Amino acid sequence: MKQKLLLFAAVFFGIIAFLLNYSQIQSERRKIQGDTELVDLIKTTREIASGEVIREQDVAADRVRRLRSTSSGFSNEIRWNQVSRLIGRKLAISKEKNERLHWADIQQTYSRASGLAGVIRKNYRAISIPVDSVSAVTNLIKPGDNVDIIGTFRFPEARGDNNLDTLTLTILQNVKILATGSNWNVNNSPEGRSGYSTVSLELTPKEVEMIIFASQKGKLSLSLRNFEESGFTKDLQSVNFKYLEQNIPGYNQARESLQRVR
């Protein structure tokens, strides 16, 4: 009987010890998870060989948990919100499908060409246009971002007299920013950016002619795009005073409908 009591006591205290240990482990796990956050990194969607150009369909978001203390500052990991900086660049090493990408995996653009010339894609050209803090979204635009270019001009009115009519319209959509001022390094942190008075655009030769002419005849502004958006809006308009007066109610109705969808 005594041996049974001792055995029962050993089992009982063993269970208690297990429960206390389990509770301590869960408590430590919750504490650790409280110091972490979910971040979206980048992984490949197919096998990519060394030297291949990275396309939009070649990468996807890869959600992982990271310690908050190491989530800021320099990291070799590439965040999903930096994906636009990868498109059009080449891999330095081969990667398997679903393998995570790091900055060290990407070919450095100055390895075969120095300066900005190594960043420009074939069949494209780089030109710079003047901007101020307003037309460049408070200087928050950075190399690797994509923008729409909007122009405001003064044209002779259609009836043929000497009066001028102000007109605003979108000239080009989804244009890549190669440089802001003299900075063309896509890896620069936002905290390290300073003001700039020019941006360099990646354009086709025909677009270069048109944008240079437009910059001489009117004021150009940049509209920053979401890093995941690469589509083109079809139903754009040319806005003048008469159009604005007639369509202000429609703008507010459309905005109200859009917010309901959200």
Protein backbone atom coordinates (compact mmCIF):
# COMPACT_ATOMS: atom_id res chain seq x y z
CA MET A 1 0.00 0.00 0.00
CA LYS A 2 2.84 2.35 0.88
CA GLN A 3 4.52 1.69 -2.46
CA LYS A 4 1.29 2.53 -4.30
CA LEU A 5 1.01 5.81 -2.42
CA LEU A 6 4.60 6.67 -3.28
CA LEU A 7 3.98 5.81 -6.94
CA PHE A 8 0.81 7.90 -6.98
CA ALA A 9 2.63 10.82 -5.36
CA ALA A 10 5.46 10.59 -7.91
CA VAL A 11 3.01 10.60 -10.82
CA PHE A 12 1.03 13.47 -9.28
CA PHE A 13 4.08 15.66 -8.71
CA GLY A 14 5.39 14.74 -12.16
CA ILE A 15 2.16 16.03 -13.74
CA ILE A 16 2.36 19.21 -11.68
CA ALA A 17 5.98 19.76 -12.78
CA PHE A 18 5.02 19.19 -16.41
CA LEU A 19 2.15 21.67 -16.23
CA LEU A 20 4.35 24.32 -14.58
CA ASN A 21 7.07 23.78 -17.16
CA TYR A 22 4.57 23.97 -20.02
CA SER A 23 3.07 27.15 -18.58
CA GLN A 24 6.54 28.71 -18.33
CA ILE A 25 7.34 27.77 -21.95
CA GLN A 26 4.07 29.30 -23.18
CA SER A 27 4.74 32.45 -21.19
CA GLU A 28 8.21 32.80 -22.69
CA ARG A 29 6.80 32.16 -26.17
CA ARG A 30 4.21 34.92 -25.75
CA LYS A 31 6.91 37.26 -24.51
CA ILE A 32 9.11 36.55 -27.52
CA GLN A 33 6.21 36.94 -29.97
CA GLY A 34 5.42 40.27 -28.39
CA ASP A 35 8.85 41.48 -29.54
CA THR A 36 8.32 40.30 -33.12
CA GLU A 37 6.36 41.44 -36.16
CA LEU A 38 5.19 39.92 -39.43
CA VAL A 39 7.08 41.23 -42.46
CA ASP A 40 6.74 40.50 -46.17
CA LEU A 41 9.99 39.48 -47.83
CA ILE A 42 10.48 38.32 -51.44
CA LYS A 43 10.74 34.80 -52.82
CA THR A 44 11.04 33.41 -56.33
CA THR A 45 8.08 31.85 -58.14
CA ARG A 46 10.28 29.79 -60.46
CA GLU A 47 13.87 28.64 -60.89
CA ILE A 48 15.95 31.60 -62.08
CA ALA A 49 19.44 31.19 -63.52
CA SER A 50 22.37 33.49 -62.84
CA GLY A 51 22.32 36.45 -65.21
CA GLU A 52 18.58 36.28 -65.88
CA VAL A 53 16.54 39.46 -65.65
CA ILE A 54 13.95 39.48 -62.85
CA ARG A 55 10.38 40.05 -64.04
CA GLU A 56 7.29 40.90 -62.01
CA GLN A 57 5.89 37.37 -62.36
CA ASP A 58 9.17 35.86 -61.09
CA VAL A 59 8.70 37.04 -57.49
CA ALA A 60 6.04 36.91 -54.78
CA ALA A 61 5.59 38.02 -51.18
CA ASP A 62 6.86 35.71 -48.43
CA ARG A 63 5.44 36.53 -44.98
CA VAL A 64 7.73 35.72 -42.04
CA ARG A 65 8.13 36.75 -38.41
CA ARG A 66 11.13 38.86 -37.39
CA LEU A 67 12.33 40.38 -34.10
CA ARG A 68 11.46 44.06 -33.90
CA SER A 69 14.95 44.90 -32.68
CA THR A 70 16.45 43.65 -35.95
CA SER A 71 13.67 44.72 -38.31
CA SER A 72 15.11 48.20 -38.79
CA GLY A 73 18.48 49.35 -40.01
CA PHE A 74 20.54 47.62 -42.67
CA SER A 75 19.48 44.12 -43.65
CA ASN A 76 20.45 41.89 -46.54
CA GLU A 77 16.82 40.76 -46.76
CA ILE A 78 14.64 42.44 -49.37
CA ARG A 79 11.23 43.68 -48.24
CA TRP A 80 8.22 43.26 -50.54
CA ASN A 81 7.70 47.04 -50.60
CA GLN A 82 11.07 47.26 -52.39
CA VAL A 83 10.06 44.88 -55.19
CA SER A 84 9.98 47.65 -57.81
CA ARG A 85 13.74 48.06 -57.28
CA LEU A 86 14.35 44.47 -58.39
CA ILE A 87 12.33 44.40 -61.60
CA GLY A 88 14.62 44.59 -64.62
CA ARG A 89 17.77 43.72 -62.67
CA LYS A 90 19.80 40.53 -63.04
CA LEU A 91 20.56 37.76 -60.57
CA ALA A 92 24.16 37.29 -59.53
CA ILE A 93 23.58 33.64 -58.55
CA SER A 94 21.01 31.02 -59.52
CA LYS A 95 17.97 30.61 -57.27
CA GLU A 96 15.54 27.72 -56.86
CA LYS A 97 11.76 28.10 -56.87
CA ASN A 98 10.37 29.51 -53.58
CA GLU A 99 13.86 30.56 -52.48
CA ARG A 100 14.14 33.89 -50.69
CA LEU A 101 15.99 36.76 -52.39
CA HIS A 102 18.66 38.91 -50.73
CA TRP A 103 20.46 42.02 -51.94
CA ALA A 104 23.65 39.95 -52.23
CA ASP A 105 21.87 37.79 -54.85
CA ILE A 106 21.39 40.77 -57.19
CA GLN A 107 24.02 41.84 -59.70
CA GLN A 108 25.52 45.21 -58.91
CA THR A 109 24.80 47.56 -61.77
CA TYR A 110 28.28 49.07 -61.68
CA SER A 111 29.99 45.72 -62.27
CA ARG A 112 29.82 46.09 -66.06
CA ALA A 113 28.98 49.76 -66.47
CA SER A 114 29.79 52.69 -64.25
CA GLY A 115 27.28 55.15 -62.91
CA LEU A 116 23.71 55.59 -64.02
CA ALA A 117 24.38 54.01 -67.44
CA GLY A 118 24.49 50.60 -65.77
CA VAL A 119 20.94 51.03 -64.44
CA ILE A 120 19.19 52.01 -67.67
CA ARG A 121 17.48 49.15 -69.50
CA LYS A 122 18.27 48.48 -73.12
CA ASN A 123 16.26 50.56 -75.63
CA TYR A 124 15.56 53.20 -72.99
CA ARG A 125 17.12 56.58 -72.24
CA ALA A 126 17.57 58.70 -69.13
CA ILE A 127 16.67 62.38 -68.94
CA SER A 128 16.33 64.74 -66.01
CA ILE A 129 13.54 67.21 -65.41
CA PRO A 130 13.33 69.97 -62.79
CA VAL A 131 11.07 69.42 -59.78
CA ASP A 132 10.32 71.13 -56.51
CA SER A 133 9.12 69.70 -53.21
CA VAL A 134 5.48 69.92 -54.34
CA SER A 135 5.82 68.42 -57.81
CA ALA A 136 8.00 65.60 -56.37
CA VAL A 137 5.57 64.63 -53.55
CA THR A 138 7.53 66.51 -50.87
CA ASN A 139 10.77 64.89 -52.08
CA LEU A 140 9.47 61.48 -50.94
CA ILE A 141 10.00 59.97 -54.39
CA LYS A 142 13.11 57.79 -54.49
CA PRO A 143 15.11 55.83 -57.10
CA GLY A 144 13.24 52.72 -58.22
CA ASP A 145 9.79 54.22 -57.67
CA ASN A 146 7.26 54.47 -60.50
CA VAL A 147 5.29 57.63 -61.19
CA ASP A 148 2.77 59.18 -63.55
CA ILE A 149 3.75 62.44 -65.23
CA ILE A 150 1.10 65.17 -65.25
CA GLY A 151 1.49 68.38 -67.25
CA THR A 152 -0.20 71.75 -66.93
CA PHE A 153 -0.09 74.00 -70.01
CA ARG A 154 -1.65 77.14 -71.41
CA PHE A 155 -3.12 76.70 -74.89
CA PRO A 156 -4.94 79.11 -77.19
CA GLU A 157 -8.67 78.58 -76.78
CA ALA A 158 -10.46 76.51 -79.40
CA ARG A 159 -12.40 79.45 -80.83
CA GLY A 160 -9.15 80.85 -82.20
CA ASP A 161 -8.77 84.18 -80.38
CA ASN A 162 -5.80 85.32 -78.34
CA ASN A 163 -7.18 84.11 -75.00
CA LEU A 164 -5.31 81.28 -73.30
CA ASP A 165 -6.92 78.29 -71.62
CA THR A 166 -5.14 76.34 -68.84
CA LEU A 167 -5.21 72.58 -69.33
CA THR A 168 -3.97 69.74 -67.08
CA LEU A 169 -3.60 66.17 -68.30
CA THR A 170 -1.66 62.96 -67.63
CA ILE A 171 1.13 62.64 -70.20
CA LEU A 172 2.77 59.30 -69.31
CA GLN A 173 1.94 56.54 -66.83
CA ASN A 174 4.14 54.07 -64.92
CA VAL A 175 7.47 55.80 -65.52
CA LYS A 176 10.48 54.52 -63.59
CA ILE A 177 12.54 56.95 -61.52
CA LEU A 178 16.23 56.28 -62.08
CA ALA A 179 17.66 58.97 -59.82
CA THR A 180 16.70 61.83 -57.53
CA GLY A 181 19.25 64.57 -57.82
CA SER A 182 22.59 62.76 -58.04
CA ASN A 183 21.38 59.76 -56.02
CA TRP A 184 20.69 56.67 -58.15
CA ASN A 185 21.31 54.09 -55.41
CA VAL A 186 18.07 52.17 -54.81
CA ASN A 187 19.44 50.76 -51.55
CA ASN A 188 19.69 54.11 -49.79
CA SER A 189 17.51 54.23 -46.70
CA PRO A 190 14.69 56.82 -46.55
CA GLU A 191 16.30 58.43 -43.51
CA GLY A 192 19.40 59.21 -45.58
CA ARG A 193 17.58 61.12 -48.33
CA SER A 194 17.97 64.86 -48.70
CA GLY A 195 16.17 67.37 -50.86
CA TYR A 196 16.68 67.44 -54.61
CA SER A 197 15.68 69.70 -57.49
CA THR A 198 15.74 67.20 -60.38
CA VAL A 199 14.64 63.64 -61.07
CA SER A 200 15.93 61.34 -63.81
CA LEU A 201 13.34 59.35 -65.77
CA GLU A 202 13.68 56.15 -67.81
CA LEU A 203 11.94 56.78 -71.16
CA THR A 204 11.90 55.57 -74.73
CA PRO A 205 13.61 57.84 -77.29
CA LYS A 206 10.24 59.11 -78.56
CA GLU A 207 9.05 59.82 -75.02
CA VAL A 208 12.27 61.75 -74.37
CA GLU A 209 11.47 64.20 -77.19
CA MET A 210 7.92 64.68 -75.98
CA ILE A 211 8.81 65.19 -72.29
CA ILE A 212 11.60 67.65 -73.08
CA PHE A 213 9.19 69.69 -75.19
CA ALA A 214 6.47 69.49 -72.53
CA SER A 215 8.89 70.59 -69.77
CA GLN A 216 9.73 73.70 -71.82
CA LYS A 217 6.09 74.61 -72.49
CA GLY A 218 4.46 73.95 -69.12
CA LYS A 219 4.86 72.62 -65.59
CA LEU A 220 5.34 68.90 -64.96
CA SER A 221 4.33 67.18 -61.73
CA LEU A 222 4.86 63.60 -60.57
CA SER A 223 2.18 61.36 -59.08
CA LEU A 224 3.67 58.52 -57.00
CA ARG A 225 2.24 55.04 -57.66
CA ASN A 226 1.72 52.15 -55.26
CA PHE A 227 4.70 49.81 -55.49
CA GLU A 228 2.44 46.89 -56.51
CA GLU A 229 0.53 48.78 -59.21
CA SER A 230 1.74 48.55 -62.80
CA GLY A 231 -1.55 48.95 -64.69
CA PHE A 232 -2.62 51.84 -66.92
CA THR A 233 -5.76 53.91 -66.32
CA LYS A 234 -7.79 54.25 -69.52
CA ASP A 235 -10.55 56.74 -68.61
CA LEU A 236 -8.41 59.83 -67.97
CA GLN A 237 -9.54 63.34 -68.82
CA SER A 238 -8.05 66.69 -69.80
CA VAL A 239 -9.02 69.22 -67.15
CA ASN A 240 -9.65 72.90 -67.81
CA PHE A 241 -11.80 75.47 -66.02
CA LYS A 242 -14.99 74.59 -67.87
CA TYR A 243 -14.52 70.84 -67.36
CA LEU A 244 -13.74 71.35 -63.66
CA GLU A 245 -16.86 73.45 -63.13
CA GLN A 246 -19.09 70.88 -64.79
CA ASN A 247 -17.61 67.78 -63.14
CA ILE A 248 -16.92 68.69 -59.49
CA PRO A 249 -20.17 67.00 -58.31
CA GLY A 250 -19.22 63.87 -60.25
CA TYR A 251 -15.78 63.75 -58.57
CA ASN A 252 -17.34 63.76 -55.12
CA GLN A 253 -19.94 61.14 -56.07
CA ALA A 254 -17.24 58.85 -57.45
CA ARG A 255 -15.12 59.35 -54.33
CA GLU A 256 -18.07 58.55 -52.08
CA SER A 257 -18.77 55.34 -54.01
CA LEU A 258 -15.12 54.31 -53.80
CA GLN A 259 -15.04 54.79 -50.03
CA ARG A 260 -18.17 52.68 -49.65
CA VAL A 261 -16.43 49.83 -51.45
CA ARG A 262 -13.53 50.02 -48.99
